[in-house]
C-alpha atoms as a PDB file:
ATOM      1  CA  MET A   1     111.096 115.125 232.063  1.00  0.00           C
ATOM      2  CA  PRO A   2     109.447 113.650 228.876  1.00  0.00           C
ATOM      3  CA  ASN A   3     111.520 112.173 226.338  1.00  0.00           C
ATOM      4  CA  GLN A   4     111.809 114.803 223.439  1.00  0.00           C
ATOM      5  CA  ASN A   5     113.029 112.033 220.964  1.00  0.00           C
ATOM      6  CA  HIS A   6     109.898 110.019 221.440  1.00  0.00           C
ATOM      7  CA  ILE A   7     107.612 109.935 218.482  1.00  0.00           C
ATOM      8  CA  ASP A   8     104.005 109.401 219.060  1.00  0.00           C
ATOM      9  CA  PRO A   9     102.793 106.964 216.432  1.00  0.00           C
ATOM     10  CA  ILE A  10      99.270 108.430 216.462  1.00  0.00           C
ATOM     11  CA  ASP A  11     100.651 111.990 215.518  1.00  0.00           C
ATOM     12  CA  ASP A  12     103.018 110.295 212.960  1.00  0.00           C
ATOM     13  CA  PHE A  13      99.972 108.316 211.375  1.00  0.00           C
ATOM     14  CA  ASP A  14      97.908 111.729 211.338  1.00  0.00           C
ATOM     15  CA  HIS A  15     100.718 113.468 209.413  1.00  0.00           C
ATOM     16  CA  ILE A  16     100.969 110.556 206.891  1.00  0.00           C
ATOM     17  CA  ALA A  17      97.196 110.737 206.439  1.00  0.00           C
ATOM     18  CA  GLN A  18      97.327 114.516 205.888  1.00  0.00           C
ATOM     19  CA  ILE A  19     100.165 114.158 203.434  1.00  0.00           C
ATOM     20  CA  ASP A  20      98.379 111.403 201.543  1.00  0.00           C
ATOM     21  CA  GLN A  21      95.223 113.744 201.346  1.00  0.00           C
ATOM     22  CA  ILE A  22      97.491 116.660 200.108  1.00  0.00           C
ATOM     23  CA  SER A  23      99.255 114.353 197.514  1.00  0.00           C
ATOM     24  CA  GLU A  24      95.787 113.050 196.228  1.00  0.00           C
ATOM     25  CA  ARG A  25      94.523 116.543 196.085  1.00  0.00           C
ATOM     26  CA  VAL A  26      97.431 117.621 194.096  1.00  0.00           C
ATOM     27  CA  GLU A  27      97.050 114.712 191.580  1.00  0.00           C
ATOM     28  CA  GLN A  28      93.328 115.799 191.067  1.00  0.00           C
ATOM     29  CA  LEU A  29      94.319 119.380 190.514  1.00  0.00           C
ATOM     30  CA  LEU A  30      97.041 118.214 188.043  1.00  0.00           C
ATOM     31  CA  LEU A  31      94.446 116.208 186.118  1.00  0.00           C
ATOM     32  CA  ARG A  32      92.086 119.019 186.139  1.00  0.00           C
ATOM     33  CA  TYR A  33      94.750 121.428 184.845  1.00  0.00           C
ATOM     34  CA  ALA A  34      95.547 119.036 182.029  1.00  0.00           C
ATOM     35  CA  GLN A  35      91.836 118.877 181.022  1.00  0.00           C
ATOM     36  CA  LEU A  36      91.448 122.513 181.189  1.00  0.00           C
ATOM     37  CA  GLN A  37      94.704 122.920 178.978  1.00  0.00           C
ATOM     38  CA  ARG A  38      93.054 120.450 176.351  1.00  0.00           C
ATOM     39  CA  HIS A  39      89.716 122.295 176.637  1.00  0.00           C
ATOM     40  CA  ASN A  40      91.425 125.712 176.045  1.00  0.00           C
ATOM     41  CA  ALA A  41      93.346 124.424 173.143  1.00  0.00           C
ATOM     42  CA  LEU A  42      89.976 123.169 171.581  1.00  0.00           C
ATOM     43  CA  LEU A  43      88.420 126.668 172.387  1.00  0.00           C
ATOM     44  CA  SER A  44      91.317 128.392 170.818  1.00  0.00           C
ATOM     45  CA  GLU A  45      90.948 126.288 167.655  1.00  0.00           C
ATOM     46  CA  GLN A  46      87.305 126.999 167.494  1.00  0.00           C
ATOM     47  CA  VAL A  47      87.774 130.824 167.819  1.00  0.00           C
ATOM     48  CA  SER A  48      90.525 130.626 165.021  1.00  0.00           C
ATOM     49  CA  THR A  49      87.970 128.680 162.680  1.00  0.00           C
ATOM     50  CA  LEU A  50      85.073 130.887 163.431  1.00  0.00           C
ATOM     51  CA  THR A  51      87.245 134.224 162.910  1.00  0.00           C
ATOM     52  CA  HIS A  52      88.298 132.686 159.518  1.00  0.00           C
ATOM     53  CA  ASP A  53      84.754 131.879 158.611  1.00  0.00           C
ATOM     54  CA  ARG A  54      83.650 135.368 159.682  1.00  0.00           C
ATOM     55  CA  ASP A  55      86.344 137.097 157.580  1.00  0.00           C
ATOM     56  CA  SER A  56      85.292 134.890 154.633  1.00  0.00           C
ATOM     57  CA  LEU A  57      81.640 135.797 155.074  1.00  0.00           C
ATOM     58  CA  ARG A  58      82.552 139.519 155.350  1.00  0.00           C
ATOM     59  CA  SER A  59      84.497 139.330 152.072  1.00  0.00           C
ATOM     60  CA  ARG A  60      81.689 137.429 150.270  1.00  0.00           C
ATOM     61  CA  LEU A  61      79.238 140.132 151.617  1.00  0.00           C
ATOM     62  CA  SER A  62      81.336 142.881 150.314  1.00  0.00           C
ATOM     63  CA  ALA A  63      81.776 141.235 147.029  1.00  0.00           C
ATOM     64  CA  ALA A  64      77.872 140.770 146.796  1.00  0.00           C
ATOM     65  CA  ARG A  65      77.278 144.378 147.835  1.00  0.00           C
ATOM     66  CA  ALA A  66      79.670 145.516 145.010  1.00  0.00           C
ATOM     67  CA  ARG A  67      77.889 143.316 142.440  1.00  0.00           C
ATOM     68  CA  VAL A  68      74.420 144.751 143.522  1.00  0.00           C
ATOM     69  CA  ASP A  69      75.810 148.379 143.592  1.00  0.00           C
ATOM     70  CA  ALA A  70      77.196 147.594 139.817  1.00  0.00           C
ATOM     71  CA  LEU A  71      73.763 146.258 138.877  1.00  0.00           C
ATOM     72  CA  ILE A  72      71.863 149.196 140.315  1.00  0.00           C
ATOM     73  CA  GLU A  73      74.112 151.710 138.469  1.00  0.00           C
ATOM     74  CA  ARG A  74      73.473 149.794 135.164  1.00  0.00           C
ATOM     75  CA  LEU A  75      69.657 150.316 135.698  1.00  0.00           C
ATOM     76  CA  PRO A  76      68.116 152.871 133.450  1.00  0.00           C
ATOM     77  CA  GLU A  77      67.088 156.336 135.076  1.00  0.00           C
ATOM     78  CA  SER A  78      63.298 156.481 135.620  1.00  0.00           C
ATOM     79  CA  THR A  79      61.633 159.322 133.941  1.00  0.00           C
ATOM     80  CA  GLY A  80      58.082 158.873 135.285  1.00  0.00           C
ATOM     81  CA  PRO A  81      55.978 156.733 137.512  1.00  0.00           C
ATOM     82  CA  MET A  82      56.530 153.165 137.544  1.00  0.00           C
ATOM     83  CA  THR A  83      54.107 151.016 135.734  1.00  0.00           C
ATOM     84  CA  HIS A  84      53.462 147.705 137.015  1.00  0.00           C
ATOM     85  CA  THR A  85      53.377 144.686 134.744  1.00  0.00           C
ATOM     86  CA  PRO A  86      51.307 141.549 135.517  1.00  0.00           C
ATOM     87  CA  ALA A  87      54.458 139.805 136.565  1.00  0.00           C
ATOM     88  CA  ASP A  88      55.062 142.591 139.132  1.00  0.00           C
ATOM     89  CA  ALA A  89      51.601 142.015 140.626  1.00  0.00           C
ATOM     90  CA  ALA A  90      52.262 138.272 141.196  1.00  0.00           C
ATOM     91  CA  ARG A  91      55.090 139.166 143.497  1.00  0.00           C
END
């Protein structure tokens, strides 16, 4: 009858090698996870900055439209066909 308490050194070495491989893979995954967290934080910051820039541009565009509309309202009503001046022809 074989000895049940006997540990085969080859099997033991294989298990240690597998544990080392798993440990190395876990360390790689943890490093990748940390890299992805940093990258995600940078992307979140960029999204925030771009959102702020977009909102600012929308506000400026709205103000510019209001100014153009106000200028259009101040233009005199045209009563006849427009006459072209030499300055208009140069455009």
